[in-house]
Amino acid sequence: MAKSKKEPVKVKKNALREQIATTLETTFTDLKESVGEKKFARQVKKASKVLASGAVKKTSKVAAAPKAKAAAKAKTKAPAKAAKKK
């Protein structure tokens, strides 16, 4: 089988951060004018960092979940139910 190269998480995260930052900047142009260029850029950077880290964690958990469930099923079998004593 051919092994596929996966894109490192850091590269995905940085690309996602850039996309989020551009979206926030275009969406909140009026806020940029009222707050100021420097302060707005700093807050956009912080917000994109938080949003991207949460999104990357969620996607990695979703991708890993089916493997973890399959492994857990293979390891443990459902124990036979014991007869209840009265």
Protein backbone atom coordinates (compact mmCIF):
# COMPACT_ATOMS: atom_id res chain seq x y z
CA MET A 1 0.00 0.00 0.00
CA ALA A 2 1.13 3.52 -0.69
CA LYS A 3 1.46 5.71 2.34
CA SER A 4 -0.15 9.11 2.02
CA LYS A 5 1.59 12.10 3.48
CA LYS A 6 -0.62 14.05 5.80
CA GLU A 7 -0.28 17.77 6.15
CA PRO A 8 1.18 18.68 9.56
CA VAL A 9 -1.25 20.16 12.08
CA LYS A 10 0.80 23.36 12.35
CA VAL A 11 0.46 24.08 8.65
CA LYS A 12 -3.30 23.51 8.77
CA LYS A 13 -3.61 25.68 11.86
CA ASN A 14 -1.64 28.56 10.35
CA ALA A 15 -3.61 28.48 7.12
CA LEU A 16 -6.85 28.44 9.08
CA ARG A 17 -5.67 31.34 11.24
CA GLU A 18 -4.94 33.43 8.16
CA GLN A 19 -8.37 32.71 6.69
CA ILE A 20 -10.09 33.58 9.96
CA ALA A 21 -8.09 36.80 10.29
CA THR A 22 -8.97 38.00 6.79
CA THR A 23 -12.63 37.16 7.38
CA LEU A 24 -12.70 39.09 10.66
CA GLU A 25 -10.93 42.08 9.12
CA THR A 26 -13.36 42.31 6.22
CA THR A 27 -16.40 41.77 8.45
CA PHE A 28 -15.57 44.35 11.10
CA THR A 29 -14.19 47.26 9.07
CA ASP A 30 -16.30 49.79 10.98
CA LEU A 31 -14.91 48.52 14.27
CA LYS A 32 -11.41 48.86 12.88
CA GLU A 33 -11.98 52.55 12.24
CA SER A 34 -13.39 53.25 15.69
CA VAL A 35 -10.87 51.25 17.75
CA GLY A 36 -7.72 51.93 15.79
CA GLU A 37 -5.52 49.96 13.40
CA LYS A 38 -2.98 48.60 15.88
CA LYS A 39 -5.41 47.56 18.60
CA PHE A 40 -7.76 45.99 16.07
CA ALA A 41 -4.95 43.97 14.46
CA ARG A 42 -3.86 42.66 17.86
CA GLN A 43 -7.38 41.57 18.81
CA VAL A 44 -7.98 39.92 15.42
CA LYS A 45 -4.75 37.98 15.84
CA LYS A 46 -5.79 36.77 19.30
CA ALA A 47 -9.28 35.82 18.16
CA SER A 48 -8.06 33.93 15.11
CA LYS A 49 -5.54 32.05 17.26
CA VAL A 50 -8.23 30.91 19.71
CA LEU A 51 -10.71 29.97 17.00
CA ALA A 52 -8.15 28.06 14.95
CA SER A 53 -6.85 26.08 17.90
CA GLY A 54 -10.37 25.01 18.81
CA ALA A 55 -11.18 24.02 15.25
CA VAL A 56 -8.00 22.00 14.79
CA LYS A 57 -8.57 20.13 18.06
CA LYS A 58 -12.12 19.32 17.07
CA THR A 59 -11.17 18.04 13.62
CA SER A 60 -8.38 15.89 15.03
CA LYS A 61 -10.75 14.40 17.62
CA VAL A 62 -13.34 13.64 14.96
CA ALA A 63 -10.75 11.92 12.78
CA ALA A 64 -9.35 9.89 15.68
CA ALA A 65 -12.70 8.89 17.18
CA PRO A 66 -13.62 6.02 14.81
CA LYS A 67 -10.23 4.37 15.29
CA ALA A 68 -10.47 4.66 19.07
CA LYS A 69 -13.96 3.18 19.15
CA ALA A 70 -12.96 0.27 16.93
CA ALA A 71 -9.92 -0.46 19.08
CA ALA A 72 -11.96 -0.32 22.27
CA LYS A 73 -14.52 -2.73 20.85
CA ALA A 74 -11.84 -5.17 19.77
CA LYS A 75 -10.16 -5.15 23.19
CA THR A 76 -13.20 -5.68 25.34
CA LYS A 77 -16.14 -7.93 24.84
CA ALA A 78 -19.38 -7.33 26.63
CA PRO A 79 -19.31 -9.42 29.84
CA ALA A 80 -22.03 -12.01 30.26
CA LYS A 81 -24.75 -10.76 32.52
CA ALA A 82 -24.74 -12.46 35.88
CA ALA A 83 -28.00 -13.93 37.10
CA LYS A 84 -29.62 -11.79 39.75
CA LYS A 85 -30.04 -13.38 43.12
CA LYS A 86 -33.24 -12.76 44.99
